[in-house]
Amino acid sequence: MMTIITRVKLKAGSTEQWDRVMRERVEAARGASGWVSAQLLRGVDEDLERAIVGVWESKDAWAAWHHDDAFQETRDQLSRVEDRAQESVWFEVVEDVD
């Protein structure tokens, strides 16, 4: 399993829209091949900061999801309300403790 953590900073006044669209994206991703789980995080000290923790069977499965129409539609909506480019870091899951 692979985990990708993506951080993003939003434009002022856009948090509700971004949160709504990202929830729609996660719901669409549930049906994607190789999807395992996701967490959507809001910054504690910075209300405009968000992070997405995505768990996938492989980087290839994650990459394939990026060609899905549902992903592309939400990408366009999200990019309009993001203040800076997303920063992503990959991790290999060593142990999954429930």
C-alpha atoms as a PDB file:
ATOM      1  CA  MET A   1       0.000   0.000   0.000  1.00  0.00           C
ATOM      2  CA  MET A   2       1.041   3.566  -0.637  1.00  0.00           C
ATOM      3  CA  THR A   3       0.001   6.780   1.101  1.00  0.00           C
ATOM      4  CA  ILE A   4       0.125  10.222  -0.435  1.00  0.00           C
ATOM      5  CA  ILE A   5      -0.149  13.320   1.715  1.00  0.00           C
ATOM      6  CA  THR A   6      -1.055  16.483  -0.155  1.00  0.00           C
ATOM      7  CA  ARG A   7      -1.054  19.951   1.407  1.00  0.00           C
ATOM      8  CA  VAL A   8      -2.806  22.958  -0.053  1.00  0.00           C
ATOM      9  CA  LYS A   9      -3.475  26.546   0.986  1.00  0.00           C
ATOM     10  CA  LEU A  10      -6.832  28.026   0.010  1.00  0.00           C
ATOM     11  CA  LYS A  11      -7.850  31.508  -1.017  1.00  0.00           C
ATOM     12  CA  ALA A  12      -9.738  33.485   1.625  1.00  0.00           C
ATOM     13  CA  GLY A  13     -13.470  32.876   1.459  1.00  0.00           C
ATOM     14  CA  SER A  14     -13.156  29.592  -0.426  1.00  0.00           C
ATOM     15  CA  THR A  15     -13.035  27.020   2.359  1.00  0.00           C
ATOM     16  CA  GLU A  16     -16.666  25.882   2.142  1.00  0.00           C
ATOM     17  CA  GLN A  17     -16.482  25.437  -1.625  1.00  0.00           C
ATOM     18  CA  TRP A  18     -13.178  23.528  -1.479  1.00  0.00           C
ATOM     19  CA  ASP A  19     -14.410  21.275   1.338  1.00  0.00           C
ATOM     20  CA  ARG A  20     -17.616  20.460  -0.560  1.00  0.00           C
ATOM     21  CA  VAL A  21     -15.872  19.713  -3.861  1.00  0.00           C
ATOM     22  CA  MET A  22     -13.169  17.628  -2.186  1.00  0.00           C
ATOM     23  CA  ARG A  23     -15.820  15.539  -0.393  1.00  0.00           C
ATOM     24  CA  GLU A  24     -17.420  14.939  -3.823  1.00  0.00           C
ATOM     25  CA  ARG A  25     -14.036  13.839  -5.185  1.00  0.00           C
ATOM     26  CA  VAL A  26     -13.471  11.398  -2.339  1.00  0.00           C
ATOM     27  CA  GLU A  27     -16.931   9.904  -2.866  1.00  0.00           C
ATOM     28  CA  ALA A  28     -16.139   9.431  -6.563  1.00  0.00           C
ATOM     29  CA  ALA A  29     -12.736   7.902  -5.724  1.00  0.00           C
ATOM     30  CA  ARG A  30     -14.395   5.196  -3.612  1.00  0.00           C
ATOM     31  CA  GLY A  31     -15.213   3.338  -6.824  1.00  0.00           C
ATOM     32  CA  ALA A  32     -11.759   3.715  -8.341  1.00  0.00           C
ATOM     33  CA  SER A  33      -9.632   0.636  -8.803  1.00  0.00           C
ATOM     34  CA  GLY A  34      -6.933   0.520  -6.126  1.00  0.00           C
ATOM     35  CA  TRP A  35      -8.529   3.076  -3.775  1.00  0.00           C
ATOM     36  CA  VAL A  36      -8.243   2.157  -0.092  1.00  0.00           C
ATOM     37  CA  SER A  37      -9.161   5.211   1.993  1.00  0.00           C
ATOM     38  CA  ALA A  38      -8.814   8.950   2.463  1.00  0.00           C
ATOM     39  CA  GLN A  39      -8.795  11.573   5.178  1.00  0.00           C
ATOM     40  CA  LEU A  40      -9.519  15.260   4.648  1.00  0.00           C
ATOM     41  CA  LEU A  41      -7.766  17.482   7.175  1.00  0.00           C
ATOM     42  CA  ARG A  42      -8.163  21.150   8.142  1.00  0.00           C
ATOM     43  CA  GLY A  43      -5.332  23.133   9.668  1.00  0.00           C
ATOM     44  CA  VAL A  44      -5.687  23.783  13.392  1.00  0.00           C
ATOM     45  CA  ASP A  45      -3.581  26.945  13.416  1.00  0.00           C
ATOM     46  CA  GLU A  46      -4.314  27.969   9.819  1.00  0.00           C
ATOM     47  CA  ASP A  47      -7.947  27.763   8.717  1.00  0.00           C
ATOM     48  CA  LEU A  48      -6.966  28.127   5.051  1.00  0.00           C
ATOM     49  CA  GLU A  49      -4.693  25.072   5.118  1.00  0.00           C
ATOM     50  CA  ARG A  50      -5.965  21.643   4.079  1.00  0.00           C
ATOM     51  CA  ALA A  51      -4.353  18.248   3.690  1.00  0.00           C
ATOM     52  CA  ILE A  52      -5.513  15.091   1.971  1.00  0.00           C
ATOM     53  CA  VAL A  53      -4.233  11.711   3.131  1.00  0.00           C
ATOM     54  CA  GLY A  54      -4.921   9.183   0.400  1.00  0.00           C
ATOM     55  CA  VAL A  55      -4.205   5.487   0.694  1.00  0.00           C
ATOM     56  CA  TRP A  56      -3.951   3.487  -2.526  1.00  0.00           C
ATOM     57  CA  GLU A  57      -2.880  -0.020  -3.424  1.00  0.00           C
ATOM     58  CA  SER A  58      -0.189   1.491  -5.677  1.00  0.00           C
ATOM     59  CA  LYS A  59       1.058   4.720  -7.209  1.00  0.00           C
ATOM     60  CA  ASP A  60      -0.154   3.380 -10.567  1.00  0.00           C
ATOM     61  CA  ALA A  61      -3.725   3.063  -9.250  1.00  0.00           C
ATOM     62  CA  TRP A  62      -3.559   6.645  -7.964  1.00  0.00           C
ATOM     63  CA  ALA A  63      -2.195   7.869 -11.306  1.00  0.00           C
ATOM     64  CA  ALA A  64      -4.940   6.060 -13.232  1.00  0.00           C
ATOM     65  CA  TRP A  65      -7.574   7.795 -11.077  1.00  0.00           C
ATOM     66  CA  HIS A  66      -6.205  11.140 -12.267  1.00  0.00           C
ATOM     67  CA  HIS A  67      -7.440  10.337 -15.790  1.00  0.00           C
ATOM     68  CA  ASP A  68     -11.004   9.732 -14.588  1.00  0.00           C
ATOM     69  CA  ASP A  69     -13.600  12.323 -15.654  1.00  0.00           C
ATOM     70  CA  ALA A  70     -14.757  12.827 -12.056  1.00  0.00           C
ATOM     71  CA  PHE A  71     -11.205  13.650 -10.996  1.00  0.00           C
ATOM     72  CA  GLN A  72     -10.701  16.093 -13.875  1.00  0.00           C
ATOM     73  CA  GLU A  73     -13.965  17.934 -13.151  1.00  0.00           C
ATOM     74  CA  THR A  74     -13.123  18.436  -9.499  1.00  0.00           C
ATOM     75  CA  ARG A  75      -9.500  19.346 -10.289  1.00  0.00           C
ATOM     76  CA  ASP A  76     -10.657  22.338 -12.304  1.00  0.00           C
ATOM     77  CA  GLN A  77     -13.009  23.490  -9.543  1.00  0.00           C
ATOM     78  CA  LEU A  78     -10.422  23.069  -6.799  1.00  0.00           C
ATOM     79  CA  SER A  79      -7.588  24.796  -8.626  1.00  0.00           C
ATOM     80  CA  ARG A  80      -9.657  27.976  -8.889  1.00  0.00           C
ATOM     81  CA  VAL A  81      -9.857  28.321  -5.089  1.00  0.00           C
ATOM     82  CA  GLU A  82      -6.341  27.220  -4.158  1.00  0.00           C
ATOM     83  CA  ASP A  83      -3.884  29.959  -3.267  1.00  0.00           C
ATOM     84  CA  ARG A  84      -0.726  27.996  -4.068  1.00  0.00           C
ATOM     85  CA  ALA A  85       0.225  24.818  -5.846  1.00  0.00           C
ATOM     86  CA  GLN A  86      -0.315  21.573  -3.983  1.00  0.00           C
ATOM     87  CA  GLU A  87       2.646  19.879  -2.312  1.00  0.00           C
ATOM     88  CA  SER A  88       2.560  16.079  -2.244  1.00  0.00           C
ATOM     89  CA  VAL A  89       4.754  13.485  -0.559  1.00  0.00           C
ATOM     90  CA  TRP A  90       4.525   9.700  -0.971  1.00  0.00           C
ATOM     91  CA  PHE A  91       5.044   7.111   1.763  1.00  0.00           C
ATOM     92  CA  GLU A  92       5.054   3.351   1.603  1.00  0.00           C
ATOM     93  CA  VAL A  93       2.834   1.801   4.259  1.00  0.00           C
ATOM     94  CA  VAL A  94       5.061  -0.232   6.560  1.00  0.00           C
ATOM     95  CA  GLU A  95       2.391  -1.170   9.067  1.00  0.00           C
ATOM     96  CA  ASP A  96      -1.355  -0.518   9.134  1.00  0.00           C
ATOM     97  CA  VAL A  97      -2.598  -0.425  12.735  1.00  0.00           C
ATOM     98  CA  ASP A  98      -6.352  -0.209  13.113  1.00  0.00           C
END
